[in-house]
Protein backbone atom coordinates (compact mmCIF):
# COMPACT_ATOMS: atom_id res chain seq x y z
CA UNK A 1 -30.36 47.84 -32.13
CA UNK A 2 -31.46 48.47 -28.62
CA UNK A 3 -28.89 48.20 -25.93
CA UNK A 4 -29.87 45.95 -23.02
CA UNK A 5 -28.57 46.61 -19.58
CA UNK A 6 -28.40 44.23 -16.67
CA UNK A 7 -30.84 45.02 -13.92
CA UNK A 8 -29.42 46.67 -10.85
CA UNK A 9 -28.84 44.26 -7.95
CA UNK A 10 -31.43 44.61 -5.28
CA UNK A 11 -31.36 44.15 -1.57
CA UNK A 12 -33.14 40.83 -2.08
CA UNK A 13 -30.26 39.62 -4.35
CA UNK A 14 -27.79 40.47 -1.61
CA UNK A 15 -29.84 38.60 0.99
CA UNK A 16 -29.97 35.49 -1.25
CA UNK A 17 -26.18 35.51 -1.71
CA UNK A 18 -25.48 36.18 1.97
CA UNK A 19 -27.89 33.43 3.08
CA UNK A 20 -26.32 30.97 0.64
CA UNK A 21 -22.83 31.81 1.94
CA UNK A 22 -23.87 31.34 5.56
CA UNK A 23 -25.57 28.05 4.68
CA UNK A 24 -22.41 26.79 2.90
CA UNK A 25 -20.22 27.66 5.90
CA UNK A 26 -22.74 26.05 8.26
CA UNK A 27 -22.84 22.87 6.18
CA UNK A 28 -19.04 22.68 6.16
CA UNK A 29 -18.91 23.15 9.95
CA UNK A 30 -21.60 20.50 10.45
CA UNK A 31 -19.78 18.04 8.15
CA UNK A 32 -16.37 18.48 9.81
CA UNK A 33 -16.94 15.96 12.66
CA UNK A 34 -17.91 13.32 10.09
CA UNK A 35 -14.83 14.03 7.99
CA UNK A 36 -12.54 14.18 11.02
CA UNK A 37 -13.68 10.77 12.29
CA UNK A 38 -12.12 9.21 9.15
CA UNK A 39 -8.62 10.11 10.38
CA UNK A 40 -6.59 7.26 11.92
CA UNK A 41 -7.35 6.55 15.55
CA UNK A 42 -4.76 7.09 18.25
CA UNK A 43 -4.26 3.32 18.45
CA UNK A 44 -3.31 3.19 14.77
CA UNK A 45 -1.04 6.21 15.07
CA UNK A 46 0.72 4.55 18.00
CA UNK A 47 1.56 1.65 15.70
CA UNK A 48 2.87 3.91 12.94
CA UNK A 49 6.39 2.71 13.64
CA UNK A 50 7.43 -0.73 14.87
CA UNK A 51 10.72 -2.46 15.55
CA UNK A 52 10.89 -6.19 14.89
CA UNK A 53 13.45 -8.81 15.76
CA UNK A 54 13.90 -11.04 12.71
CA UNK A 55 16.72 -13.22 14.06
CA UNK A 56 14.49 -16.29 14.53
CA UNK A 57 13.17 -16.34 10.95
CA UNK A 58 14.65 -19.29 9.04
CA UNK A 59 15.44 -19.41 5.30
CA UNK A 60 12.20 -19.80 3.34
CA UNK A 61 10.06 -18.79 6.32
CA UNK A 62 7.69 -15.85 6.68
CA UNK A 63 6.54 -14.07 9.82
CA UNK A 64 3.57 -11.71 9.95
CA UNK A 65 3.71 -8.57 12.09
CA UNK A 66 0.96 -6.00 12.64
CA UNK A 67 1.77 -2.54 11.28
CA UNK A 68 -0.78 0.29 11.09
CA UNK A 69 -3.57 -2.24 11.45
CA UNK A 70 -2.42 -4.30 8.46
CA UNK A 71 -0.44 -7.51 8.17
CA UNK A 72 3.24 -6.97 7.41
CA UNK A 73 4.91 -9.90 5.66
CA UNK A 74 8.59 -10.37 6.51
CA UNK A 75 10.06 -13.22 4.52
CA UNK A 76 13.60 -14.56 4.53
CA UNK A 77 14.20 -15.67 0.97
CA UNK A 78 16.31 -18.63 -0.04
CA UNK A 79 19.12 -18.22 -2.60
CA UNK A 80 16.89 -20.05 -5.11
CA UNK A 81 14.02 -17.59 -4.52
CA UNK A 82 16.38 -14.63 -4.92
CA UNK A 83 17.76 -16.03 -8.20
CA UNK A 84 14.24 -16.81 -9.43
CA UNK A 85 13.09 -13.26 -8.65
CA UNK A 86 16.11 -11.62 -10.28
CA UNK A 87 15.56 -13.64 -13.46
CA UNK A 88 12.09 -12.14 -14.12
CA UNK A 89 12.17 -9.53 -16.91
CA UNK A 90 10.16 -6.32 -16.44
CA UNK A 91 8.15 -7.17 -19.55
CA UNK A 92 6.68 -10.20 -17.70
CA UNK A 93 5.23 -8.04 -14.90
CA UNK A 94 1.68 -6.68 -14.77
CA UNK A 95 2.89 -3.67 -12.75
CA UNK A 96 6.37 -2.42 -13.72
CA UNK A 97 6.53 0.11 -10.83
CA UNK A 98 8.41 -0.83 -7.63
CA UNK A 99 5.83 0.64 -5.18
CA UNK A 100 8.67 0.94 -2.68
CA UNK A 101 8.26 3.77 -0.15
CA UNK A 102 12.05 3.81 0.27
CA UNK A 103 12.62 4.78 -3.39
CA UNK A 104 11.30 7.40 -5.84
CA UNK A 105 7.87 6.73 -7.35
CA UNK A 106 9.47 6.11 -10.73
CA UNK A 107 11.58 3.13 -9.55
CA UNK A 108 11.06 -0.02 -11.59
CA UNK A 109 9.86 -3.31 -10.11
CA UNK A 110 13.18 -5.11 -10.44
CA UNK A 111 14.08 -7.40 -7.58
CA UNK A 112 16.81 -4.96 -6.50
CA UNK A 113 14.28 -2.09 -6.26
CA UNK A 114 11.89 -4.13 -4.10
CA UNK A 115 14.37 -4.94 -1.31
CA UNK A 116 17.12 -3.34 0.77
CA UNK A 117 18.79 -6.65 1.58
CA UNK A 118 18.19 -9.37 -1.07
CA UNK A 119 17.65 -12.02 1.59
CA UNK A 120 14.65 -10.18 3.06
CA UNK A 121 11.41 -9.13 1.39
CA UNK A 122 9.18 -6.89 3.51
CA UNK A 123 5.74 -6.00 2.12
CA UNK A 124 2.34 -4.89 3.38
CA UNK A 125 0.17 -8.00 3.20
CA UNK A 126 -2.88 -6.41 1.59
CA UNK A 127 -3.97 -7.49 -1.89
CA UNK A 128 -4.13 -4.47 -4.17
CA UNK A 129 -7.34 -5.68 -5.79
CA UNK A 130 -9.89 -5.57 -2.97
CA UNK A 131 -7.80 -5.44 0.21
CA UNK A 132 -7.82 -9.14 1.15
CA UNK A 133 -4.86 -10.82 2.88
CA UNK A 134 -2.98 -13.17 0.55
CA UNK A 135 -1.62 -16.48 1.84
CA UNK A 136 2.05 -17.36 1.65
CA UNK A 137 3.40 -20.11 -0.54
CA UNK A 138 5.75 -22.62 1.08
CA UNK A 139 7.39 -25.77 -0.29
CA UNK A 140 5.02 -27.78 1.90
CA UNK A 141 1.90 -25.84 0.82
CA UNK A 142 2.45 -24.20 -2.59
CA UNK A 143 0.17 -21.26 -3.36
CA UNK A 144 -0.12 -20.25 -7.01
CA UNK A 145 2.48 -20.55 -9.74
CA UNK A 146 5.10 -18.01 -8.64
CA UNK A 147 6.15 -19.12 -5.14
CA UNK A 148 5.08 -15.92 -3.37
CA UNK A 149 1.54 -15.19 -2.25
CA UNK A 150 -1.95 -16.04 -3.49
CA UNK A 151 -5.12 -14.07 -2.84
CA UNK A 152 -7.84 -16.69 -2.88
CA UNK A 153 -10.70 -14.21 -3.28
CA UNK A 154 -10.09 -13.46 -6.97
CA UNK A 155 -6.92 -15.38 -7.80
CA UNK A 156 -4.27 -12.66 -7.77
CA UNK A 157 -0.80 -14.20 -7.57
CA UNK A 158 2.38 -12.50 -6.37
CA UNK A 159 5.96 -13.71 -6.79
CA UNK A 160 8.70 -13.92 -4.13
CA UNK A 161 9.37 -10.18 -4.56
CA UNK A 162 5.70 -9.26 -3.92
CA UNK A 163 5.08 -8.36 -7.58
CA UNK A 164 1.68 -9.14 -9.06
CA UNK A 165 2.06 -11.73 -11.79
CA UNK A 166 -1.48 -12.97 -12.44
CA UNK A 167 -5.05 -11.96 -11.66
CA UNK A 168 -7.05 -8.77 -11.27
CA UNK A 169 -4.74 -7.02 -8.77
CA UNK A 170 -3.57 -3.79 -10.44
CA UNK A 171 -0.42 -3.17 -8.37
CA UNK A 172 2.44 -4.91 -6.63
CA UNK A 173 2.29 -5.41 -2.87
CA UNK A 174 3.49 -2.18 -1.24
CA UNK A 175 6.94 -2.04 0.31
CA UNK A 176 6.68 0.11 3.47
CA UNK A 177 9.34 2.55 4.61
CA UNK A 178 11.81 0.48 6.61
CA UNK A 179 15.46 0.18 7.54
CA UNK A 180 17.75 -2.32 9.19
CA UNK A 181 18.80 -1.21 12.68
CA UNK A 182 21.11 -4.24 12.85
CA UNK A 183 21.44 -7.44 10.81
CA UNK A 184 18.66 -8.95 12.93
CA UNK A 185 16.40 -5.99 13.69
CA UNK A 186 14.26 -3.80 11.44
CA UNK A 187 12.31 -0.60 11.97
CA UNK A 188 9.19 -0.15 9.86
CA UNK A 189 7.52 3.23 9.53
């Protein structure tokens, strides 16, 4: 059996490798401005934290604020809505994860893990299916079967805790990081 040996590298091999390396670094440097432009603009970063006065929101009413360029739903829930939300078993939910930035990622989507104060539900108003803005359900204008929000684009329905209950949306509405500065003022972000 004849032993085969690898050919010795030549100067040409070195030049191919060096040229390829320089081309890769050049391509990365040329692509950086395009990648960097995807970062949030200074206007969005300025809105990364907002304070909102919620004292004028009545029971059963929702107000929409702008946070990081997205609608932020702040809803004052009625005692009936709170009881209805607490009565939902986890097995009835399409997404059993809380999606609450104030809690660990493993928190379950119980009503208690979706809110800080049971009277208030605060969620980012972006449907988790395709990014549409769902409409709120009120006693005067019911939206969907669960009393929360309805995304008309593809029929995703959310309950009064912002949990997806029907439709193609894969996740619950996100609960942003927030805290109560006083009983009538919140800070989001």
